[in-house]
PDB file of N, CA and C in Angstrom:
ATOM      1  N   MET A   1       0.616  -1.357  -0.040  1.00  0.00           N
ATOM      2  CA  MET A   1      -0.377   0.007  -0.061  1.00  0.00           C
ATOM      3  C   MET A   1       0.962   1.195  -0.211  1.00  0.00           C
ATOM      4  N   SER A   2       0.364   2.152  -0.858  1.00  0.00           N
ATOM      5  CA  SER A   2       1.384   3.152  -1.025  1.00  0.00           C
ATOM      6  C   SER A   2       0.666   4.222   0.618  1.00  0.00           C
ATOM      7  N   LYS A   3       2.300   4.853   1.077  1.00  0.00           N
ATOM      8  CA  LYS A   3       2.096   5.610   1.855  1.00  0.00           C
ATOM      9  C   LYS A   3       2.505   7.184   1.649  1.00  0.00           C
ATOM     10  N   GLY A   4       2.571   7.359   0.638  1.00  0.00           N
ATOM     11  CA  GLY A   4       3.190   9.117  -0.217  1.00  0.00           C
ATOM     12  C   GLY A   4       4.596   8.621   0.193  1.00  0.00           C
ATOM     13  N   ARG A   5       5.222   9.884   0.067  1.00  0.00           N
ATOM     14  CA  ARG A   5       6.428   9.628  -0.084  1.00  0.00           C
ATOM     15  C   ARG A   5       7.401  10.917   1.142  1.00  0.00           C
ATOM     16  N   ASP A   6       8.326  10.341   1.443  1.00  0.00           N
ATOM     17  CA  ASP A   6       8.786  10.817   2.773  1.00  0.00           C
ATOM     18  C   ASP A   6       9.620  12.214   2.341  1.00  0.00           C
ATOM     19  N   ILE A   7       9.238  13.413   2.367  1.00  0.00           N
ATOM     20  CA  ILE A   7       9.810  14.893   1.316  1.00  0.00           C
ATOM     21  C   ILE A   7      10.190  15.518   2.810  1.00  0.00           C
ATOM     22  N   LYS A   8      10.928  16.094   2.654  1.00  0.00           N
ATOM     23  CA  LYS A   8      11.340  17.251   3.332  1.00  0.00           C
ATOM     24  C   LYS A   8      11.325  18.315   3.444  1.00  0.00           C
ATOM     25  N   PHE A   9      11.259  19.173   4.176  1.00  0.00           N
ATOM     26  CA  PHE A   9      10.800  20.893   3.467  1.00  0.00           C
ATOM     27  C   PHE A   9      11.334  21.643   4.684  1.00  0.00           C
ATOM     28  N   ARG A  10      11.735  22.537   4.435  1.00  0.00           N
ATOM     29  CA  ARG A  10      12.037  24.042   4.913  1.00  0.00           C
ATOM     30  C   ARG A  10      11.564  25.225   4.392  1.00  0.00           C
ATOM     31  N   ALA A  11      10.921  26.184   5.644  1.00  0.00           N
ATOM     32  CA  ALA A  11      10.475  27.294   5.308  1.00  0.00           C
ATOM     33  C   ALA A  11      11.174  28.928   6.417  1.00  0.00           C
ATOM     34  N   TRP A  12      11.264  29.517   5.136  1.00  0.00           N
ATOM     35  CA  TRP A  12      12.198  30.837   6.440  1.00  0.00           C
ATOM     36  C   TRP A  12      11.251  31.816   7.029  1.00  0.00           C
ATOM     37  N   ASP A  13      11.365  32.105   7.988  1.00  0.00           N
ATOM     38  CA  ASP A  13      10.472  32.726   9.819  1.00  0.00           C
ATOM     39  C   ASP A  13      10.942  33.704   9.374  1.00  0.00           C
ATOM     40  N   ASN A  14      10.638  34.495   8.943  1.00  0.00           N
ATOM     41  CA  ASN A  14      11.074  36.243   8.833  1.00  0.00           C
ATOM     42  C   ASN A  14      11.018  36.800  10.727  1.00  0.00           C
ATOM     43  N   LYS A  15      10.753  36.625  11.235  1.00  0.00           N
ATOM     44  CA  LYS A  15       9.923  36.703  12.788  1.00  0.00           C
ATOM     45  C   LYS A  15      11.257  36.285  13.354  1.00  0.00           C
ATOM     46  N   ILE A  16      11.416  35.160  12.896  1.00  0.00           N
ATOM     47  CA  ILE A  16      12.651  34.542  14.547  1.00  0.00           C
ATOM     48  C   ILE A  16      13.932  34.723  13.620  1.00  0.00           C
ATOM     49  N   LYS A  17      13.579  35.086  11.804  1.00  0.00           N
ATOM     50  CA  LYS A  17      15.009  34.734  11.225  1.00  0.00           C
ATOM     51  C   LYS A  17      15.761  33.393  11.420  1.00  0.00           C
ATOM     52  N   ALA A  18      14.802  32.561  11.336  1.00  0.00           N
ATOM     53  CA  ALA A  18      15.422  31.035  10.983  1.00  0.00           C
ATOM     54  C   ALA A  18      14.732  30.314  10.562  1.00  0.00           C
ATOM     55  N   PHE A  19      15.115  29.177   9.662  1.00  0.00           N
ATOM     56  CA  PHE A  19      14.357  28.535   9.394  1.00  0.00           C
ATOM     57  C   PHE A  19      13.626  27.306  10.258  1.00  0.00           C
ATOM     58  N   HIS A  20      12.721  26.462   9.773  1.00  0.00           N
ATOM     59  CA  HIS A  20      11.755  25.487  10.330  1.00  0.00           C
ATOM     60  C   HIS A  20      11.898  24.131   9.504  1.00  0.00           C
ATOM     61  N   TYR A  21      12.612  22.955   9.844  1.00  0.00           N
ATOM     62  CA  TYR A  21      12.330  22.071   8.857  1.00  0.00           C
ATOM     63  C   TYR A  21      11.496  21.156   9.628  1.00  0.00           C
ATOM     64  N   TRP A  22      11.083  20.512   8.650  1.00  0.00           N
ATOM     65  CA  TRP A  22      10.142  19.141   8.971  1.00  0.00           C
ATOM     66  C   TRP A  22       9.933  18.585   7.960  1.00  0.00           C
ATOM     67  N   SER A  23       9.653  16.959   8.270  1.00  0.00           N
ATOM     68  CA  SER A  23       9.285  16.189   7.461  1.00  0.00           C
ATOM     69  C   SER A  23       7.718  15.773   7.109  1.00  0.00           C
ATOM     70  N   SER A  24       7.595  15.122   5.945  1.00  0.00           N
ATOM     71  CA  SER A  24       6.085  14.979   5.797  1.00  0.00           C
ATOM     72  C   SER A  24       5.427  13.709   4.804  1.00  0.00           C
ATOM     73  N   ASP A  25       4.574  12.760   5.024  1.00  0.00           N
ATOM     74  CA  ASP A  25       4.192  12.184   4.370  1.00  0.00           C
ATOM     75  C   ASP A  25       3.571  12.603   3.033  1.00  0.00           C
ATOM     76  N   LEU A  26       3.868  13.205   2.345  1.00  0.00           N
ATOM     77  CA  LEU A  26       3.550  13.997   1.474  1.00  0.00           C
ATOM     78  C   LEU A  26       2.750  13.456   0.632  1.00  0.00           C
ATOM     79  N   GLN A  27       1.171  13.863   0.016  1.00  0.00           N
ATOM     80  CA  GLN A  27       0.288  13.234  -0.953  1.00  0.00           C
ATOM     81  C   GLN A  27      -0.005  14.172  -2.130  1.00  0.00           C
ATOM     82  N   LEU A  28       0.737  14.103  -3.400  1.00  0.00           N
ATOM     83  CA  LEU A  28       0.763  14.926  -4.608  1.00  0.00           C
ATOM     84  C   LEU A  28      -0.922  15.225  -4.919  1.00  0.00           C
ATOM     85  N   TYR A  29      -1.341  16.250  -5.516  1.00  0.00           N
ATOM     86  CA  TYR A  29      -2.064  16.651  -6.380  1.00  0.00           C
ATOM     87  C   TYR A  29      -1.938  15.924  -7.429  1.00  0.00           C
ATOM     88  N   THR A  30      -2.905  15.264  -7.797  1.00  0.00           N
ATOM     89  CA  THR A  30      -2.614  14.384  -9.542  1.00  0.00           C
ATOM     90  C   THR A  30      -2.941  15.511 -10.750  1.00  0.00           C
ATOM     91  N   GLU A  31      -4.009  16.523 -10.313  1.00  0.00           N
ATOM     92  CA  GLU A  31      -4.147  17.736 -11.334  1.00  0.00           C
ATOM     93  C   GLU A  31      -5.553  17.060 -12.004  1.00  0.00           C
ATOM     94  N   LEU A  32      -6.178  16.141 -11.054  1.00  0.00           N
ATOM     95  CA  LEU A  32      -7.687  15.717 -12.006  1.00  0.00           C
ATOM     96  C   LEU A  32      -8.320  15.665 -10.848  1.00  0.00           C
ATOM     97  N   LYS A  33      -9.596  15.762 -11.364  1.00  0.00           N
ATOM     98  CA  LYS A  33     -11.103  15.572 -10.133  1.00  0.00           C
ATOM     99  C   LYS A  33     -11.476  14.750 -10.266  1.00  0.00           C
ATOM    100  N   ASP A  34     -12.717  14.360 -10.035  1.00  0.00           N
ATOM    101  CA  ASP A  34     -13.303  13.348  -9.865  1.00  0.00           C
ATOM    102  C   ASP A  34     -14.689  13.446 -10.358  1.00  0.00           C
ATOM    103  N   LYS A  35     -15.768  12.666 -10.363  1.00  0.00           N
ATOM    104  CA  LYS A  35     -17.061  13.049 -11.138  1.00  0.00           C
ATOM    105  C   LYS A  35     -17.529  13.942 -10.701  1.00  0.00           C
ATOM    106  N   ASN A  36     -17.592  14.211  -9.059  1.00  0.00           N
ATOM    107  CA  ASN A  36     -18.031  15.729  -8.130  1.00  0.00           C
ATOM    108  C   ASN A  36     -16.919  16.806  -7.655  1.00  0.00           C
ATOM    109  N   GLY A  37     -15.817  16.605  -8.665  1.00  0.00           N
ATOM    110  CA  GLY A  37     -15.555  17.733  -8.794  1.00  0.00           C
ATOM    111  C   GLY A  37     -14.285  18.274  -7.954  1.00  0.00           C
ATOM    112  N   LYS A  38     -13.926  16.915  -6.956  1.00  0.00           N
ATOM    113  CA  LYS A  38     -13.210  16.798  -5.752  1.00  0.00           C
ATOM    114  C   LYS A  38     -11.574  16.268  -6.447  1.00  0.00           C
ATOM    115  N   GLU A  39     -10.962  17.167  -6.058  1.00  0.00           N
ATOM    116  CA  GLU A  39      -9.284  16.813  -6.260  1.00  0.00           C
ATOM    117  C   GLU A  39      -8.820  15.679  -5.994  1.00  0.00           C
ATOM    118  N   ILE A  40      -8.260  15.206  -6.345  1.00  0.00           N
ATOM    119  CA  ILE A  40      -7.735  13.410  -6.331  1.00  0.00           C
ATOM    120  C   ILE A  40      -6.221  13.855  -6.176  1.00  0.00           C
ATOM    121  N   TYR A  41      -5.836  13.230  -4.936  1.00  0.00           N
ATOM    122  CA  TYR A  41      -4.899  12.730  -4.785  1.00  0.00           C
ATOM    123  C   TYR A  41      -3.831  11.509  -4.160  1.00  0.00           C
ATOM    124  N   GLU A  42      -2.623  11.410  -4.260  1.00  0.00           N
ATOM    125  CA  GLU A  42      -2.358  10.397  -4.103  1.00  0.00           C
ATOM    126  C   GLU A  42      -2.397  10.008  -2.627  1.00  0.00           C
ATOM    127  N   GLY A  43      -2.631   8.433  -2.627  1.00  0.00           N
ATOM    128  CA  GLY A  43      -3.167   7.643  -1.280  1.00  0.00           C
ATOM    129  C   GLY A  43      -4.951   8.218  -1.302  1.00  0.00           C
ATOM    130  N   ASP A  44      -5.446   8.491  -2.060  1.00  0.00           N
ATOM    131  CA  ASP A  44      -7.398   8.638  -2.325  1.00  0.00           C
ATOM    132  C   ASP A  44      -7.076   7.323  -2.642  1.00  0.00           C
ATOM    133  N   ILE A  45      -8.710   6.801  -2.092  1.00  0.00           N
ATOM    134  CA  ILE A  45      -9.350   5.402  -2.454  1.00  0.00           C
ATOM    135  C   ILE A  45     -10.336   5.815  -3.723  1.00  0.00           C
ATOM    136  N   ILE A  46     -10.125   5.649  -4.583  1.00  0.00           N
ATOM    137  CA  ILE A  46     -10.939   5.694  -5.741  1.00  0.00           C
ATOM    138  C   ILE A  46     -11.857   4.853  -6.389  1.00  0.00           C
ATOM    139  N   GLU A  47     -13.089   4.464  -6.518  1.00  0.00           N
ATOM    140  CA  GLU A  47     -14.035   3.789  -6.788  1.00  0.00           C
ATOM    141  C   GLU A  47     -14.627   4.242  -8.331  1.00  0.00           C
ATOM    142  N   THR A  48     -14.262   3.118  -9.438  1.00  0.00           N
ATOM    143  CA  THR A  48     -14.659   3.334 -10.928  1.00  0.00           C
ATOM    144  C   THR A  48     -16.250   3.462 -11.378  1.00  0.00           C
ATOM    145  N   GLU A  49     -16.859   3.601 -12.326  1.00  0.00           N
ATOM    146  CA  GLU A  49     -18.101   3.382 -12.650  1.00  0.00           C
ATOM    147  C   GLU A  49     -18.539   2.066 -12.719  1.00  0.00           C
ATOM    148  N   TYR A  50     -17.448   1.117 -12.394  1.00  0.00           N
ATOM    149  CA  TYR A  50     -17.519  -0.233 -12.748  1.00  0.00           C
ATOM    150  C   TYR A  50     -16.987  -0.720 -11.104  1.00  0.00           C
ATOM    151  N   PHE A  51     -17.014  -0.012 -10.174  1.00  0.00           N
ATOM    152  CA  PHE A  51     -17.419  -0.597  -9.045  1.00  0.00           C
ATOM    153  C   PHE A  51     -15.679  -1.344  -8.522  1.00  0.00           C
ATOM    154  N   ALA A  52     -15.069  -1.026  -9.341  1.00  0.00           N
ATOM    155  CA  ALA A  52     -13.878  -0.997  -8.800  1.00  0.00           C
ATOM    156  C   ALA A  52     -12.915  -0.606  -7.890  1.00  0.00           C
ATOM    157  N   LYS A  53     -12.040  -0.662  -6.838  1.00  0.00           N
ATOM    158  CA  LYS A  53     -11.721   0.361  -6.079  1.00  0.00           C
ATOM    159  C   LYS A  53     -10.302  -0.037  -5.702  1.00  0.00           C
ATOM    160  N   GLY A  54      -9.558   0.929  -5.417  1.00  0.00           N
ATOM    161  CA  GLY A  54      -8.300   1.241  -5.574  1.00  0.00           C
ATOM    162  C   GLY A  54      -7.428   2.545  -4.966  1.00  0.00           C
ATOM    163  N   ILE A  55      -5.909   2.544  -5.179  1.00  0.00           N
ATOM    164  CA  ILE A  55      -5.224   3.258  -4.674  1.00  0.00           C
ATOM    165  C   ILE A  55      -5.013   4.444  -5.465  1.00  0.00           C
ATOM    166  N   VAL A  56      -4.690   5.504  -5.774  1.00  0.00           N
ATOM    167  CA  VAL A  56      -4.208   6.312  -6.158  1.00  0.00           C
ATOM    168  C   VAL A  56      -2.316   6.235  -5.542  1.00  0.00           C
ATOM    169  N   ILE A  57      -1.386   5.780  -6.797  1.00  0.00           N
ATOM    170  CA  ILE A  57      -0.322   5.654  -6.037  1.00  0.00           C
ATOM    171  C   ILE A  57       0.387   6.712  -7.269  1.00  0.00           C
ATOM    172  N   TRP A  58       1.936   6.648  -6.858  1.00  0.00           N
ATOM    173  CA  TRP A  58       3.099   7.300  -7.701  1.00  0.00           C
ATOM    174  C   TRP A  58       3.661   6.303  -8.089  1.00  0.00           C
ATOM    175  N   ASP A  59       3.751   5.822  -9.464  1.00  0.00           N
ATOM    176  CA  ASP A  59       4.555   4.940 -10.275  1.00  0.00           C
ATOM    177  C   ASP A  59       5.938   5.262 -10.783  1.00  0.00           C
ATOM    178  N   ASP A  60       6.675   5.428  -9.779  1.00  0.00           N
ATOM    179  CA  ASP A  60       8.238   5.501 -10.124  1.00  0.00           C
ATOM    180  C   ASP A  60       8.631   5.272 -11.391  1.00  0.00           C
ATOM    181  N   VAL A  61       8.752   4.083 -12.173  1.00  0.00           N
ATOM    182  CA  VAL A  61       8.863   3.235 -13.102  1.00  0.00           C
ATOM    183  C   VAL A  61       8.450   4.592 -14.365  1.00  0.00           C
ATOM    184  N   ALA A  62       7.240   4.499 -14.202  1.00  0.00           N
ATOM    185  CA  ALA A  62       6.099   4.889 -15.469  1.00  0.00           C
ATOM    186  C   ALA A  62       6.299   6.625 -15.534  1.00  0.00           C
ATOM    187  N   ALA A  63       6.961   7.109 -14.067  1.00  0.00           N
ATOM    188  CA  ALA A  63       6.736   8.432 -13.818  1.00  0.00           C
ATOM    189  C   ALA A  63       5.140   9.332 -14.005  1.00  0.00           C
ATOM    190  N   ASN A  64       4.528   8.742 -13.196  1.00  0.00           N
ATOM    191  CA  ASN A  64       2.834   9.350 -13.039  1.00  0.00           C
ATOM    192  C   ASN A  64       2.266   8.494 -12.068  1.00  0.00           C
ATOM    193  N   PHE A  65       0.880   8.959 -12.054  1.00  0.00           N
ATOM    194  CA  PHE A  65       0.002   8.419 -10.963  1.00  0.00           C
ATOM    195  C   PHE A  65      -0.723   7.530 -11.256  1.00  0.00           C
ATOM    196  N   ALA A  66      -1.044   6.458 -10.488  1.00  0.00           N
ATOM    197  CA  ALA A  66      -1.548   4.975 -11.184  1.00  0.00           C
ATOM    198  C   ALA A  66      -2.510   4.763 -10.132  1.00  0.00           C
ATOM    199  N   PHE A  67      -3.681   4.252 -10.849  1.00  0.00           N
ATOM    200  CA  PHE A  67      -4.304   3.713 -10.222  1.00  0.00           C
ATOM    201  C   PHE A  67      -4.431   2.113  -9.842  1.00  0.00           C
ATOM    202  N   ASN A  68      -3.699   1.773  -8.264  1.00  0.00           N
ATOM    203  CA  ASN A  68      -3.452   0.401  -8.191  1.00  0.00           C
ATOM    204  C   ASN A  68      -4.585  -0.323  -7.306  1.00  0.00           C
ATOM    205  N   CYS A  69      -4.899  -1.180  -8.038  1.00  0.00           N
ATOM    206  CA  CYS A  69      -5.657  -2.120  -7.234  1.00  0.00           C
ATOM    207  C   CYS A  69      -5.572  -3.696  -7.508  1.00  0.00           C
ATOM    208  N   ASP A  70      -5.990  -4.515  -7.322  1.00  0.00           N
ATOM    209  CA  ASP A  70      -6.098  -5.933  -7.407  1.00  0.00           C
ATOM    210  C   ASP A  70      -6.447  -6.750  -8.880  1.00  0.00           C
ATOM    211  N   GLU A  71      -7.163  -5.892  -9.865  1.00  0.00           N
ATOM    212  CA  GLU A  71      -7.045  -6.286 -10.826  1.00  0.00           C
ATOM    213  C   GLU A  71      -6.306  -5.601 -11.879  1.00  0.00           C
ATOM    214  N   PRO A  72      -5.476  -6.408 -12.652  1.00  0.00           N
ATOM    215  CA  PRO A  72      -4.535  -5.721 -13.803  1.00  0.00           C
ATOM    216  C   PRO A  72      -5.071  -4.923 -14.284  1.00  0.00           C
ATOM    217  N   MET A  73      -6.346  -5.476 -15.157  1.00  0.00           N
ATOM    218  CA  MET A  73      -6.622  -4.328 -16.043  1.00  0.00           C
ATOM    219  C   MET A  73      -6.630  -2.609 -15.567  1.00  0.00           C
ATOM    220  N   TRP A  74      -6.897  -2.561 -13.918  1.00  0.00           N
ATOM    221  CA  TRP A  74      -7.137  -1.259 -13.731  1.00  0.00           C
ATOM    222  C   TRP A  74      -5.760  -0.704 -13.423  1.00  0.00           C
ATOM    223  N   ALA A  75      -4.507  -1.222 -13.469  1.00  0.00           N
ATOM    224  CA  ALA A  75      -3.288  -1.139 -12.998  1.00  0.00           C
ATOM    225  C   ALA A  75      -2.927  -0.117 -14.122  1.00  0.00           C
ATOM    226  N   HIS A  76      -3.119   1.066 -14.208  1.00  0.00           N
ATOM    227  CA  HIS A  76      -2.628   1.732 -15.453  1.00  0.00           C
ATOM    228  C   HIS A  76      -2.499   3.166 -14.827  1.00  0.00           C
ATOM    229  N   PRO A  77      -2.116   4.339 -15.695  1.00  0.00           N
ATOM    230  CA  PRO A  77      -2.152   5.788 -15.290  1.00  0.00           C
ATOM    231  C   PRO A  77      -3.647   6.315 -15.166  1.00  0.00           C
ATOM    232  N   VAL A  78      -3.340   7.140 -14.033  1.00  0.00           N
ATOM    233  CA  VAL A  78      -5.155   7.893 -13.644  1.00  0.00           C
ATOM    234  C   VAL A  78      -5.537   8.972 -14.529  1.00  0.00           C
ATOM    235  N   HIS A  79      -4.571   9.615 -15.387  1.00  0.00           N
ATOM    236  CA  HIS A  79      -4.946  10.397 -16.475  1.00  0.00           C
ATOM    237  C   HIS A  79      -5.142   9.921 -17.397  1.00  0.00           C
ATOM    238  N   VAL A  80      -5.630   8.645 -17.809  1.00  0.00           N
ATOM    239  CA  VAL A  80      -5.967   8.240 -19.269  1.00  0.00           C
ATOM    240  C   VAL A  80      -7.137   7.436 -18.705  1.00  0.00           C
ATOM    241  N   MET A  81      -7.388   6.993 -17.108  1.00  0.00           N
ATOM    242  CA  MET A  81      -8.498   6.039 -17.414  1.00  0.00           C
ATOM    243  C   MET A  81     -10.253   6.853 -18.035  1.00  0.00           C
ATOM    244  N   ASN A  82     -10.837   5.949 -18.886  1.00  0.00           N
ATOM    245  CA  ASN A  82     -11.978   6.038 -18.559  1.00  0.00           C
ATOM    246  C   ASN A  82     -12.875   5.809 -18.009  1.00  0.00           C
ATOM    247  N   GLY A  83     -13.862   6.807 -18.148  1.00  0.00           N
ATOM    248  CA  GLY A  83     -15.290   6.591 -17.333  1.00  0.00           C
ATOM    249  C   GLY A  83     -14.792   7.414 -15.897  1.00  0.00           C
ATOM    250  N   ASP A  84     -16.078   7.527 -14.904  1.00  0.00           N
ATOM    251  CA  ASP A  84     -16.019   8.094 -14.339  1.00  0.00           C
ATOM    252  C   ASP A  84     -15.712   7.141 -12.919  1.00  0.00           C
ATOM    253  N   LYS A  85     -14.852   8.324 -12.385  1.00  0.00           N
ATOM    254  CA  LYS A  85     -13.756   7.801 -10.998  1.00  0.00           C
ATOM    255  C   LYS A  85     -14.529   8.719  -9.721  1.00  0.00           C
ATOM    256  N   GLU A  86     -14.545   8.302  -8.619  1.00  0.00           N
ATOM    257  CA  GLU A  86     -15.321   8.953  -7.572  1.00  0.00           C
ATOM    258  C   GLU A  86     -14.037   8.568  -5.835  1.00  0.00           C
ATOM    259  N   VAL A  87     -13.439  10.124  -5.684  1.00  0.00           N
ATOM    260  CA  VAL A  87     -13.126   9.647  -4.214  1.00  0.00           C
ATOM    261  C   VAL A  87     -14.123   9.262  -3.188  1.00  0.00           C
ATOM    262  N   ILE A  88     -13.735   7.966  -2.762  1.00  0.00           N
ATOM    263  CA  ILE A  88     -14.288   7.437  -1.637  1.00  0.00           C
ATOM    264  C   ILE A  88     -13.671   7.429  -0.181  1.00  0.00           C
ATOM    265  N   GLY A  89     -12.363   7.682  -0.245  1.00  0.00           N
ATOM    266  CA  GLY A  89     -11.699   7.914   1.043  1.00  0.00           C
ATOM    267  C   GLY A  89     -10.342   8.137   0.742  1.00  0.00           C
ATOM    268  N   ASN A  90      -9.354   7.962   1.828  1.00  0.00           N
ATOM    269  CA  ASN A  90      -8.133   7.829   1.565  1.00  0.00           C
ATOM    270  C   ASN A  90      -7.328   6.839   2.693  1.00  0.00           C
ATOM    271  N   ILE A  91      -6.033   6.451   2.233  1.00  0.00           N
ATOM    272  CA  ILE A  91      -5.469   5.488   2.960  1.00  0.00           C
ATOM    273  C   ILE A  91      -5.297   5.976   4.725  1.00  0.00           C
ATOM    274  N   HIS A  92      -5.327   7.162   5.144  1.00  0.00           N
ATOM    275  CA  HIS A  92      -5.067   7.116   6.255  1.00  0.00           C
ATOM    276  C   HIS A  92      -6.312   7.422   6.940  1.00  0.00           C
ATOM    277  N   GLU A  93      -7.377   7.899   6.126  1.00  0.00           N
ATOM    278  CA  GLU A  93      -8.561   7.980   7.136  1.00  0.00           C
ATOM    279  C   GLU A  93      -9.298   7.058   7.088  1.00  0.00           C
ATOM    280  N   ASN A  94      -9.912   5.965   5.946  1.00  0.00           N
ATOM    281  CA  ASN A  94     -10.460   4.924   5.425  1.00  0.00           C
ATOM    282  C   ASN A  94     -10.205   3.520   4.948  1.00  0.00           C
ATOM    283  N   PRO A  95      -8.842   3.010   6.018  1.00  0.00           N
ATOM    284  CA  PRO A  95      -8.110   1.738   5.702  1.00  0.00           C
ATOM    285  C   PRO A  95      -9.173   0.974   4.851  1.00  0.00           C
ATOM    286  N   GLU A  96     -10.087   0.637   5.644  1.00  0.00           N
ATOM    287  CA  GLU A  96     -11.178  -0.366   5.839  1.00  0.00           C
ATOM    288  C   GLU A  96     -12.057  -0.648   4.617  1.00  0.00           C
ATOM    289  N   LEU A  97     -11.819   0.676   3.573  1.00  0.00           N
ATOM    290  CA  LEU A  97     -12.273  -0.030   2.423  1.00  0.00           C
ATOM    291  C   LEU A  97     -11.827  -0.441   1.255  1.00  0.00           C
ATOM    292  N   LEU A  98     -10.437  -0.596   1.466  1.00  0.00           N
ATOM    293  CA  LEU A  98      -9.929  -1.659   0.545  1.00  0.00           C
ATOM    294  C   LEU A  98     -10.140  -3.016   0.350  1.00  0.00           C
TER     295      LEU A  98
END
């Protein structure tokens, strides 16, 4: 199961004249929206119009966001998926949906 990528951040604070550092389990926006206009992020659980459920992951090999589920026919880039898709949850708040 994809848990996002560990990415480090730093931000300059003008008030204290110092950097703040932190790490985050970052889940990036795919630049896509579901059938209801909701933004789709890495780690979201989506359901297709054919009732397949899966997780949006970043595929390092293909360098794109992919829909990952148990059925190989659906394991392909999210941006080329035909038909309606809906965000029904995410891996952190709704793991029981898988």
